[in-house]
Amino acid sequence: MTNVYCVRAQYGKYAANFVRGGYVAMPWDVEKDLSGVRNIEDLRSHYYEERPKTKGMVAEQYIGQIARFLFDLKPGDLVVTPSYETEQIYHGTLKTQPYYYNHVKDGCPFPHRRAVLWDPNSIPTGEFSESFQRQMRSFMTIFPISQTADFLSVINRNRFTKEDLKT
């Protein structure tokens, strides 16, 4: 089964950076490499070390999104991000390279990244079903797309080979 995730670029503000740079990024403003984090308990420890005053549901929701980025997104999964004006959907395939920390000054301030092979052609949002478009309006930063069949029918999945996805 093909997994599809939306990884927002701060409401599309950094979508062009994602595509140009060949990555998706997580907007956690902590200057700490998370590549040593192996499970959700490690992540919780790191999170509460950095954000000791954040508690309860807010903290757990944020931890859940970071965990999804680190552990749930797998090589070969599809990722989407809407453009800033939300008129276009960018889509690509997660490459084999795992999470990496890179604070390159490329215009995107998010150093927590995953490598993506982006399709060079964005797709107008209006080409997708209304239910897919509604889901793209979610406020979450990283979430699974439940409208997978609709998405795949629009993008014609077979664009990249396994060799393309290697780093």
C-alpha atoms as a PDB file:
ATOM      1  CA  MET A   1       0.000   0.000   0.000  1.00  0.00           C
ATOM      2  CA  THR A   2       1.250   3.451  -0.865  1.00  0.00           C
ATOM      3  CA  ASN A   3       1.354   5.971   1.971  1.00  0.00           C
ATOM      4  CA  VAL A   4       0.800   9.642   1.221  1.00  0.00           C
ATOM      5  CA  TYR A   5       1.638  12.373   3.735  1.00  0.00           C
ATOM      6  CA  CYS A   6       1.199  16.102   3.698  1.00  0.00           C
ATOM      7  CA  VAL A   7       4.169  18.001   5.099  1.00  0.00           C
ATOM      8  CA  ARG A   8       3.274  21.667   5.278  1.00  0.00           C
ATOM      9  CA  ALA A   9       5.848  24.325   4.595  1.00  0.00           C
ATOM     10  CA  GLN A  10       4.512  26.855   7.103  1.00  0.00           C
ATOM     11  CA  TYR A  11       1.288  27.291   5.128  1.00  0.00           C
ATOM     12  CA  GLY A  12       3.237  27.070   1.878  1.00  0.00           C
ATOM     13  CA  LYS A  13       5.683  29.840   2.741  1.00  0.00           C
ATOM     14  CA  TYR A  14       8.682  27.517   2.182  1.00  0.00           C
ATOM     15  CA  ALA A  15       7.163  25.158  -0.404  1.00  0.00           C
ATOM     16  CA  ALA A  16       9.387  26.484  -3.195  1.00  0.00           C
ATOM     17  CA  ASN A  17      12.440  25.963  -0.926  1.00  0.00           C
ATOM     18  CA  PHE A  18      11.389  22.354  -0.331  1.00  0.00           C
ATOM     19  CA  VAL A  19      11.122  21.691  -4.054  1.00  0.00           C
ATOM     20  CA  ARG A  20      14.331  23.534  -5.032  1.00  0.00           C
ATOM     21  CA  GLY A  21      16.307  21.872  -2.230  1.00  0.00           C
ATOM     22  CA  GLY A  22      14.908  18.359  -2.670  1.00  0.00           C
ATOM     23  CA  TYR A  23      13.556  17.910   0.853  1.00  0.00           C
ATOM     24  CA  VAL A  24      10.652  18.300   3.257  1.00  0.00           C
ATOM     25  CA  ALA A  25      11.357  19.871   6.626  1.00  0.00           C
ATOM     26  CA  MET A  26       9.841  19.915  10.062  1.00  0.00           C
ATOM     27  CA  PRO A  27       9.302  23.325  11.642  1.00  0.00           C
ATOM     28  CA  TRP A  28      10.740  22.637  15.076  1.00  0.00           C
ATOM     29  CA  ASP A  29      12.964  25.563  15.985  1.00  0.00           C
ATOM     30  CA  VAL A  30      15.301  23.500  18.175  1.00  0.00           C
ATOM     31  CA  GLU A  31      18.968  23.591  17.222  1.00  0.00           C
ATOM     32  CA  LYS A  32      19.541  19.945  18.069  1.00  0.00           C
ATOM     33  CA  ASP A  33      20.135  17.034  15.713  1.00  0.00           C
ATOM     34  CA  LEU A  34      17.522  14.321  16.298  1.00  0.00           C
ATOM     35  CA  SER A  35      19.239  11.556  14.317  1.00  0.00           C
ATOM     36  CA  GLY A  36      20.074   9.742  17.575  1.00  0.00           C
ATOM     37  CA  VAL A  37      16.420   9.587  18.622  1.00  0.00           C
ATOM     38  CA  ARG A  38      15.327   5.940  18.266  1.00  0.00           C
ATOM     39  CA  ASN A  39      11.760   5.890  19.613  1.00  0.00           C
ATOM     40  CA  ILE A  40       8.940   8.000  20.974  1.00  0.00           C
ATOM     41  CA  GLU A  41      10.280   7.899  24.543  1.00  0.00           C
ATOM     42  CA  ASP A  42      13.638   9.306  23.395  1.00  0.00           C
ATOM     43  CA  LEU A  43      11.734  11.974  21.520  1.00  0.00           C
ATOM     44  CA  ARG A  44       9.649  12.855  24.584  1.00  0.00           C
ATOM     45  CA  SER A  45      12.825  13.275  26.623  1.00  0.00           C
ATOM     46  CA  HIS A  46      14.328  15.599  24.001  1.00  0.00           C
ATOM     47  CA  TYR A  47      11.084  17.529  23.655  1.00  0.00           C
ATOM     48  CA  TYR A  48      10.588  18.151  27.388  1.00  0.00           C
ATOM     49  CA  GLU A  49      14.263  19.039  27.773  1.00  0.00           C
ATOM     50  CA  GLU A  50      13.767  21.791  25.181  1.00  0.00           C
ATOM     51  CA  ARG A  51      10.207  22.756  26.152  1.00  0.00           C
ATOM     52  CA  PRO A  52       9.837  22.044  29.904  1.00  0.00           C
ATOM     53  CA  LYS A  53       6.872  24.396  30.294  1.00  0.00           C
ATOM     54  CA  THR A  54       4.801  22.844  27.488  1.00  0.00           C
ATOM     55  CA  LYS A  55       2.565  20.118  28.919  1.00  0.00           C
ATOM     56  CA  GLY A  56      -0.518  18.058  28.198  1.00  0.00           C
ATOM     57  CA  MET A  57      -2.275  17.750  24.863  1.00  0.00           C
ATOM     58  CA  VAL A  58      -0.335  20.557  23.185  1.00  0.00           C
ATOM     59  CA  ALA A  59       2.981  18.857  23.907  1.00  0.00           C
ATOM     60  CA  GLU A  60       1.682  15.408  22.937  1.00  0.00           C
ATOM     61  CA  GLN A  61       0.257  16.688  19.647  1.00  0.00           C
ATOM     62  CA  TYR A  62       3.581  18.267  18.772  1.00  0.00           C
ATOM     63  CA  ILE A  63       5.511  15.145  19.837  1.00  0.00           C
ATOM     64  CA  GLY A  64       3.170  13.073  17.682  1.00  0.00           C
ATOM     65  CA  GLN A  65       3.861  15.170  14.602  1.00  0.00           C
ATOM     66  CA  ILE A  66       7.631  15.057  15.144  1.00  0.00           C
ATOM     67  CA  ALA A  67       7.399  11.274  15.651  1.00  0.00           C
ATOM     68  CA  ARG A  68       5.459  10.933  12.391  1.00  0.00           C
ATOM     69  CA  PHE A  69       8.198  12.861  10.592  1.00  0.00           C
ATOM     70  CA  LEU A  70      11.008  10.797  12.144  1.00  0.00           C
ATOM     71  CA  PHE A  71       9.476   7.319  12.266  1.00  0.00           C
ATOM     72  CA  ASP A  72       6.373   6.985  10.079  1.00  0.00           C
ATOM     73  CA  LEU A  73       7.547   8.517   6.803  1.00  0.00           C
ATOM     74  CA  LYS A  74       9.350   5.745   4.916  1.00  0.00           C
ATOM     75  CA  PRO A  75      11.416   5.702   1.711  1.00  0.00           C
ATOM     76  CA  GLY A  76       9.059   5.423  -1.246  1.00  0.00           C
ATOM     77  CA  ASP A  77       6.180   7.169   0.540  1.00  0.00           C
ATOM     78  CA  LEU A  78       4.641  10.047  -1.342  1.00  0.00           C
ATOM     79  CA  VAL A  79       4.656  13.540   0.112  1.00  0.00           C
ATOM     80  CA  VAL A  80       2.638  16.572  -0.834  1.00  0.00           C
ATOM     81  CA  THR A  81       2.850  20.193   0.139  1.00  0.00           C
ATOM     82  CA  PRO A  82       0.580  23.021  -0.981  1.00  0.00           C
ATOM     83  CA  SER A  83       2.012  26.177  -2.499  1.00  0.00           C
ATOM     84  CA  TYR A  84       1.828  29.449  -0.611  1.00  0.00           C
ATOM     85  CA  GLU A  85      -1.301  30.629  -2.386  1.00  0.00           C
ATOM     86  CA  THR A  86      -2.695  27.038  -2.168  1.00  0.00           C
ATOM     87  CA  GLU A  87      -3.400  27.018  -5.898  1.00  0.00           C
ATOM     88  CA  GLN A  88      -0.830  24.298  -6.598  1.00  0.00           C
ATOM     89  CA  ILE A  89       0.087  20.981  -4.999  1.00  0.00           C
ATOM     90  CA  TYR A  90       3.720  19.900  -5.115  1.00  0.00           C
ATOM     91  CA  HIS A  91       4.310  16.172  -4.815  1.00  0.00           C
ATOM     92  CA  GLY A  92       7.284  13.870  -4.629  1.00  0.00           C
ATOM     93  CA  THR A  93       8.664  10.606  -3.307  1.00  0.00           C
ATOM     94  CA  LEU A  94      10.641  10.233  -0.106  1.00  0.00           C
ATOM     95  CA  LYS A  95      14.175   9.076  -0.893  1.00  0.00           C
ATOM     96  CA  THR A  96      16.129   6.406   0.944  1.00  0.00           C
ATOM     97  CA  GLN A  97      18.207   8.877   2.950  1.00  0.00           C
ATOM     98  CA  PRO A  98      16.911   8.984   6.542  1.00  0.00           C
ATOM     99  CA  TYR A  99      16.217  12.097   8.585  1.00  0.00           C
ATOM    100  CA  TYR A 100      19.079  14.560   8.570  1.00  0.00           C
ATOM    101  CA  TYR A 101      19.891  17.812  10.331  1.00  0.00           C
ATOM    102  CA  ASN A 102      21.046  20.555   8.004  1.00  0.00           C
ATOM    103  CA  HIS A 103      21.101  24.213   8.915  1.00  0.00           C
ATOM    104  CA  VAL A 104      22.056  25.397   5.438  1.00  0.00           C
ATOM    105  CA  LYS A 105      21.043  28.987   4.763  1.00  0.00           C
ATOM    106  CA  ASP A 106      18.795  28.232   1.777  1.00  0.00           C
ATOM    107  CA  GLY A 107      15.886  30.435   2.778  1.00  0.00           C
ATOM    108  CA  CYS A 108      14.089  27.762   4.812  1.00  0.00           C
ATOM    109  CA  PRO A 109      14.779  28.048   8.554  1.00  0.00           C
ATOM    110  CA  PHE A 110      13.824  24.433   9.358  1.00  0.00           C
ATOM    111  CA  PRO A 111      16.933  22.242   9.800  1.00  0.00           C
ATOM    112  CA  HIS A 112      15.117  18.932  10.434  1.00  0.00           C
ATOM    113  CA  ARG A 113      14.816  17.387   6.959  1.00  0.00           C
ATOM    114  CA  ARG A 114      14.043  14.344   4.829  1.00  0.00           C
ATOM    115  CA  ALA A 115      15.244  14.001   1.206  1.00  0.00           C
ATOM    116  CA  VAL A 116      12.552  14.035  -1.508  1.00  0.00           C
ATOM    117  CA  LEU A 117      12.596  13.528  -5.249  1.00  0.00           C
ATOM    118  CA  TRP A 118      10.024  16.134  -6.291  1.00  0.00           C
ATOM    119  CA  ASP A 119       8.038  15.864  -9.481  1.00  0.00           C
ATOM    120  CA  PRO A 120       9.014  18.908 -11.561  1.00  0.00           C
ATOM    121  CA  ASN A 121       5.368  19.664 -12.317  1.00  0.00           C
ATOM    122  CA  SER A 122       2.994  20.915  -9.656  1.00  0.00           C
ATOM    123  CA  ILE A 123      -0.701  20.140 -10.047  1.00  0.00           C
ATOM    124  CA  PRO A 124      -3.488  22.712  -9.751  1.00  0.00           C
ATOM    125  CA  THR A 125      -5.442  22.085  -6.550  1.00  0.00           C
ATOM    126  CA  GLY A 126      -8.705  22.103  -8.502  1.00  0.00           C
ATOM    127  CA  GLU A 127      -7.761  18.843 -10.266  1.00  0.00           C
ATOM    128  CA  PHE A 128      -8.230  16.948  -6.997  1.00  0.00           C
ATOM    129  CA  SER A 129     -11.539  15.899  -5.465  1.00  0.00           C
ATOM    130  CA  GLU A 130     -13.324  18.180  -3.024  1.00  0.00           C
ATOM    131  CA  SER A 131     -12.638  15.704  -0.193  1.00  0.00           C
ATOM    132  CA  PHE A 132      -8.879  15.800  -0.947  1.00  0.00           C
ATOM    133  CA  GLN A 133      -8.991  19.612  -1.042  1.00  0.00           C
ATOM    134  CA  ARG A 134     -10.797  19.702   2.328  1.00  0.00           C
ATOM    135  CA  GLN A 135      -8.172  17.450   3.846  1.00  0.00           C
ATOM    136  CA  MET A 136      -5.405  19.754   2.591  1.00  0.00           C
ATOM    137  CA  ARG A 137      -6.949  22.549   4.666  1.00  0.00           C
ATOM    138  CA  SER A 138      -6.086  20.723   7.905  1.00  0.00           C
ATOM    139  CA  PHE A 139      -4.179  22.783  10.450  1.00  0.00           C
ATOM    140  CA  MET A 140      -1.754  19.966  11.233  1.00  0.00           C
ATOM    141  CA  THR A 141       1.795  20.293   9.935  1.00  0.00           C
ATOM    142  CA  ILE A 142       2.420  16.615   9.124  1.00  0.00           C
ATOM    143  CA  PHE A 143      -0.469  14.221   8.529  1.00  0.00           C
ATOM    144  CA  PRO A 144      -1.391  11.158   6.471  1.00  0.00           C
ATOM    145  CA  ILE A 145      -3.634  11.705   3.460  1.00  0.00           C
ATOM    146  CA  SER A 146      -6.675   9.426   3.584  1.00  0.00           C
ATOM    147  CA  GLN A 147      -7.649  10.198  -0.026  1.00  0.00           C
ATOM    148  CA  THR A 148      -4.803   8.050  -1.404  1.00  0.00           C
ATOM    149  CA  ALA A 149      -6.703   6.554  -4.368  1.00  0.00           C
ATOM    150  CA  ASP A 150      -7.869   9.991  -5.491  1.00  0.00           C
ATOM    151  CA  PHE A 151      -4.371  11.405  -5.164  1.00  0.00           C
ATOM    152  CA  LEU A 152      -2.737   8.537  -7.078  1.00  0.00           C
ATOM    153  CA  SER A 153      -5.257   8.733  -9.895  1.00  0.00           C
ATOM    154  CA  VAL A 154      -4.317  12.382 -10.408  1.00  0.00           C
ATOM    155  CA  ILE A 155      -0.527  12.146 -10.260  1.00  0.00           C
ATOM    156  CA  ASN A 156       0.163   8.926 -12.186  1.00  0.00           C
ATOM    157  CA  ARG A 157       2.429   7.337  -9.564  1.00  0.00           C
ATOM    158  CA  ASN A 158       4.922   5.530 -11.838  1.00  0.00           C
ATOM    159  CA  ARG A 159       7.295   8.422 -12.488  1.00  0.00           C
ATOM    160  CA  PHE A 160      10.429   7.433 -10.574  1.00  0.00           C
ATOM    161  CA  THR A 161      12.562   4.289 -10.489  1.00  0.00           C
ATOM    162  CA  LYS A 162      14.210   2.841  -7.382  1.00  0.00           C
ATOM    163  CA  GLU A 163      17.556   4.180  -8.664  1.00  0.00           C
ATOM    164  CA  ASP A 164      16.121   7.720  -8.767  1.00  0.00           C
ATOM    165  CA  LEU A 165      15.241   7.466  -5.074  1.00  0.00           C
ATOM    166  CA  LYS A 166      18.735   6.574  -3.856  1.00  0.00           C
ATOM    167  CA  THR A 167      20.825   9.384  -2.422  1.00  0.00           C
END
